[in-house]
Protein backbone atom coordinates (compact mmCIF):
# COMPACT_ATOMS: atom_id res chain seq x y z
CA UNK A 1 0.00 0.00 0.00
CA UNK A 2 1.59 3.24 -1.16
CA UNK A 3 1.72 6.09 1.34
CA UNK A 4 0.97 9.56 -0.03
CA UNK A 5 1.50 12.98 1.54
CA UNK A 6 -1.14 15.40 0.22
CA UNK A 7 -0.84 19.17 0.75
CA UNK A 8 -4.05 21.06 -0.08
CA UNK A 9 -5.85 23.85 1.80
CA UNK A 10 -9.11 23.75 -0.19
CA UNK A 11 -11.19 21.32 1.86
CA UNK A 12 -13.57 20.37 -0.95
CA UNK A 13 -10.73 19.47 -3.30
CA UNK A 14 -8.75 17.78 -0.54
CA UNK A 15 -11.67 15.60 0.54
CA UNK A 16 -12.48 14.66 -3.06
CA UNK A 17 -8.93 13.60 -3.87
CA UNK A 18 -8.32 11.86 -0.54
CA UNK A 19 -11.58 9.90 -0.76
CA UNK A 20 -10.81 8.80 -4.30
CA UNK A 21 -7.26 7.70 -3.49
CA UNK A 22 -8.32 5.87 -0.34
CA UNK A 23 -10.85 3.97 -2.46
CA UNK A 24 -7.89 2.79 -4.53
CA UNK A 25 -6.17 1.49 -1.37
CA UNK A 26 -3.65 4.31 -0.96
CA UNK A 27 -2.75 5.53 2.51
CA UNK A 28 -3.21 9.32 2.61
CA UNK A 29 -1.84 11.90 5.03
CA UNK A 30 -3.69 15.12 4.29
CA UNK A 31 -2.59 18.54 5.54
CA UNK A 32 -3.20 22.20 4.70
CA UNK A 33 -0.02 23.93 5.89
CA UNK A 34 3.26 23.98 3.98
CA UNK A 35 5.45 24.08 7.09
CA UNK A 36 3.81 20.93 8.43
CA UNK A 37 4.17 19.21 5.07
CA UNK A 38 7.90 19.93 4.88
CA UNK A 39 8.46 18.77 8.46
CA UNK A 40 6.70 15.49 7.78
CA UNK A 41 8.52 14.92 4.50
CA UNK A 42 11.82 15.31 6.34
CA UNK A 43 10.88 13.02 9.22
CA UNK A 44 8.77 10.24 7.70
CA UNK A 45 8.90 8.00 4.67
CA UNK A 46 6.35 8.42 1.87
CA UNK A 47 6.09 6.87 -1.58
CA UNK A 48 4.88 10.03 -3.30
CA UNK A 49 3.78 13.60 -2.46
CA UNK A 50 1.09 15.79 -4.03
CA UNK A 51 1.54 19.52 -3.41
CA UNK A 52 -0.76 22.45 -4.02
CA UNK A 53 1.16 25.66 -4.70
CA UNK A 54 -0.78 28.32 -2.77
CA UNK A 55 -1.24 27.17 0.83
CA UNK A 56 -0.72 28.69 4.30
CA UNK A 57 2.85 28.73 5.60
CA UNK A 58 5.43 27.68 3.03
CA UNK A 59 4.10 27.49 -0.51
CA UNK A 60 4.02 24.10 -2.20
CA UNK A 61 6.83 25.27 -4.48
CA UNK A 62 9.00 26.19 -1.48
CA UNK A 63 8.23 22.84 0.16
CA UNK A 64 9.43 21.17 -3.04
CA UNK A 65 12.61 23.26 -3.22
CA UNK A 66 13.57 22.74 0.42
CA UNK A 67 12.76 19.02 0.36
CA UNK A 68 14.98 18.47 -2.69
CA UNK A 69 17.69 20.66 -1.15
CA UNK A 70 17.73 18.35 1.86
CA UNK A 71 18.17 15.29 -0.37
CA UNK A 72 14.54 14.16 -0.64
CA UNK A 73 14.05 11.67 -3.48
CA UNK A 74 10.40 10.61 -3.66
CA UNK A 75 8.27 11.55 -6.71
CA UNK A 76 6.36 14.82 -6.32
CA UNK A 77 3.31 16.00 -8.27
CA UNK A 78 2.35 19.68 -8.23
CA UNK A 79 -1.47 19.91 -8.30
CA UNK A 80 -2.34 23.58 -8.63
CA UNK A 81 -4.44 26.24 -10.27
CA UNK A 82 -1.26 27.93 -11.54
CA UNK A 83 -1.26 27.10 -15.24
CA UNK A 84 1.24 29.49 -16.81
CA UNK A 85 4.14 27.91 -18.63
CA UNK A 86 6.56 29.86 -16.42
CA UNK A 87 5.02 28.28 -13.30
CA UNK A 88 5.31 24.79 -14.76
CA UNK A 89 8.90 25.47 -15.78
CA UNK A 90 9.76 26.74 -12.30
CA UNK A 91 8.29 23.69 -10.58
CA UNK A 92 9.81 21.13 -12.93
CA UNK A 93 13.22 22.79 -12.73
CA UNK A 94 12.95 22.73 -8.92
CA UNK A 95 12.48 18.96 -8.96
CA UNK A 96 8.79 18.22 -9.52
CA UNK A 97 8.19 14.95 -11.38
CA UNK A 98 4.79 15.96 -12.77
CA UNK A 99 2.50 19.00 -12.93
CA UNK A 100 -1.31 18.80 -12.99
CA UNK A 101 -3.46 21.94 -13.32
CA UNK A 102 -6.87 22.57 -11.78
CA UNK A 103 -9.57 21.85 -12.76
CA UNK A 104 -8.53 18.26 -13.34
CA UNK A 105 -10.02 14.82 -13.88
CA UNK A 106 -9.44 12.54 -10.91
CA UNK A 107 -8.84 9.56 -13.24
CA UNK A 108 -5.95 11.41 -14.88
CA UNK A 109 -4.39 12.25 -11.51
CA UNK A 110 -4.72 8.63 -10.40
CA UNK A 111 -3.10 7.45 -13.63
CA UNK A 112 -0.18 9.84 -13.17
CA UNK A 113 0.31 8.58 -9.61
CA UNK A 114 0.37 4.98 -10.85
CA UNK A 115 2.89 5.89 -13.54
CA UNK A 116 5.26 7.48 -11.02
CA UNK A 117 4.91 4.60 -8.59
CA UNK A 118 5.84 2.16 -11.36
CA UNK A 119 9.25 3.74 -11.72
CA UNK A 120 11.85 1.18 -10.67
CA UNK A 121 13.43 1.92 -7.30
CA UNK A 122 17.16 1.36 -7.00
CA UNK A 123 18.12 -1.15 -4.37
CA UNK A 124 20.55 1.41 -3.05
CA UNK A 125 21.15 5.04 -3.84
CA UNK A 126 24.62 5.42 -5.33
CA UNK A 127 24.89 9.10 -4.44
CA UNK A 128 23.18 10.72 -1.46
CA UNK A 129 23.14 14.47 -0.91
CA UNK A 130 22.20 16.84 1.91
CA UNK A 131 22.91 20.51 1.38
CA UNK A 132 26.40 20.72 -0.14
CA UNK A 133 27.48 17.34 1.25
CA UNK A 134 27.48 14.28 -1.02
CA UNK A 135 28.43 10.67 -0.43
CA UNK A 136 28.99 7.94 -3.01
CA UNK A 137 27.78 4.69 -1.48
CA UNK A 138 29.59 2.41 -3.94
CA UNK A 139 32.94 4.20 -3.69
CA UNK A 140 32.50 5.16 -0.02
CA UNK A 141 33.65 8.72 -0.66
CA UNK A 142 32.45 11.96 0.95
CA UNK A 143 32.66 15.45 -0.56
CA UNK A 144 31.65 18.88 0.73
CA UNK A 145 31.39 21.64 -1.88
CA UNK A 146 33.30 19.29 -4.18
CA UNK A 147 36.22 18.83 -1.78
CA UNK A 148 37.00 15.31 -0.60
CA UNK A 149 36.65 14.60 3.12
CA UNK A 150 38.64 11.65 4.48
CA UNK A 151 36.47 9.26 6.45
CA UNK A 152 36.90 5.80 7.95
CA UNK A 153 34.41 3.00 7.09
CA UNK A 154 32.82 2.99 10.57
CA UNK A 155 31.97 6.68 10.42
CA UNK A 156 30.91 6.41 6.77
CA UNK A 157 28.36 3.74 7.71
CA UNK A 158 26.84 6.03 10.33
CA UNK A 159 26.80 8.99 7.95
CA UNK A 160 25.06 6.90 5.28
CA UNK A 161 22.21 6.17 7.69
CA UNK A 162 21.75 9.86 8.44
CA UNK A 163 22.05 10.88 4.77
CA UNK A 164 19.24 8.54 3.74
CA UNK A 165 16.84 10.47 6.01
CA UNK A 166 18.11 14.02 6.67
CA UNK A 167 16.33 15.57 9.64
CA UNK A 168 14.97 12.28 10.92
CA UNK A 169 15.63 11.49 14.58
CA UNK A 170 17.35 8.13 15.16
CA UNK A 171 17.36 6.60 18.63
CA UNK A 172 20.50 4.92 19.96
CA UNK A 173 18.63 1.59 19.77
CA UNK A 174 17.95 2.06 16.04
CA UNK A 175 21.57 2.94 15.33
CA UNK A 176 22.82 0.01 17.38
CA UNK A 177 20.59 -2.35 15.41
CA UNK A 178 21.78 -0.97 12.06
CA UNK A 179 25.50 -0.72 12.83
CA UNK A 180 26.48 -3.58 15.13
CA UNK A 181 26.20 -7.35 14.97
CA UNK A 182 28.21 -8.27 18.06
CA UNK A 183 26.33 -7.80 21.33
CA UNK A 184 29.62 -7.03 23.08
CA UNK A 185 30.11 -4.00 20.78
CA UNK A 186 26.49 -2.84 20.87
CA UNK A 187 26.42 -0.20 23.60
CA UNK A 188 25.16 3.36 23.86
CA UNK A 189 28.74 4.44 24.52
CA UNK A 190 29.82 2.87 21.23
CA UNK A 191 27.23 5.03 19.44
CA UNK A 192 28.33 8.17 21.30
CA UNK A 193 31.96 7.54 20.34
CA UNK A 194 31.10 6.96 16.70
CA UNK A 195 28.97 10.12 16.58
CA UNK A 196 31.88 12.03 18.14
CA UNK A 197 34.30 10.75 15.47
CA UNK A 198 31.81 11.53 12.70
CA UNK A 199 31.44 15.09 13.93
CA UNK A 200 35.22 15.49 13.86
CA UNK A 201 35.31 14.18 10.28
CA UNK A 202 32.59 16.66 9.27
CA UNK A 203 34.12 19.75 10.88
CA UNK A 204 34.63 21.40 7.47
CA UNK A 205 31.22 20.39 6.11
CA UNK A 206 27.94 22.38 6.25
CA UNK A 207 26.38 19.57 8.29
CA UNK A 208 25.57 19.10 11.96
CA UNK A 209 24.91 15.83 13.80
CA UNK A 210 22.66 17.00 16.59
CA UNK A 211 22.05 15.29 19.91
CA UNK A 212 18.45 15.40 21.12
CA UNK A 213 18.73 14.67 24.82
CA UNK A 214 17.05 11.44 25.82
CA UNK A 215 15.89 10.72 22.26
CA UNK A 216 18.82 10.24 19.89
CA UNK A 217 20.59 11.92 16.98
CA UNK A 218 19.73 13.58 13.69
CA UNK A 219 21.49 15.20 10.74
CA UNK A 220 20.80 18.88 10.03
CA UNK A 221 21.96 21.01 7.12
CA UNK A 222 23.51 24.27 8.26
CA UNK A 223 22.24 27.39 6.50
């Protein structure tokens, strides 16, 4: 069951689309505020997002731009009353995968969603980006603003986890499960030490590994 984030502040349109998609067995998270939509896109995993342009808080276009800037990869459809070619060009250049103008036929929207969901997903992203930081998973290399950052395999493995979900909070238990196989190595102190070494390796990068007291760690892009 595909999970869809849907940003739309017009209740009639939102209810119509959400009801139709739920009838096709999609799981829908509906919201009307752009700030909330961006926060949820950063923290949770979705299969696709549908964004209206003109909404309270951040506009749908700004949600798109900031999500892509933070390394977000899922397909995004702009569903909006803005129909000028310049608007379509702006959204597609910013990283939208499709652009549907209102008024629209629900069957066409549903078909476009199915088409995007049929795109093959790579088993593993070869290159992950967050802000100006990039890592190549196959080559295990890290660059910031194009400059190579030396990094040991242990720290690279931790960074890869954070880079796959920028902004998401990982508990120590989650990181222990992902990084360690030996119970003798799997301790909270081992995680703290690895986070410390990763921070040292990223001193020259526009990235922060934040500690959220009592909850865990997350990667943030510095402005």
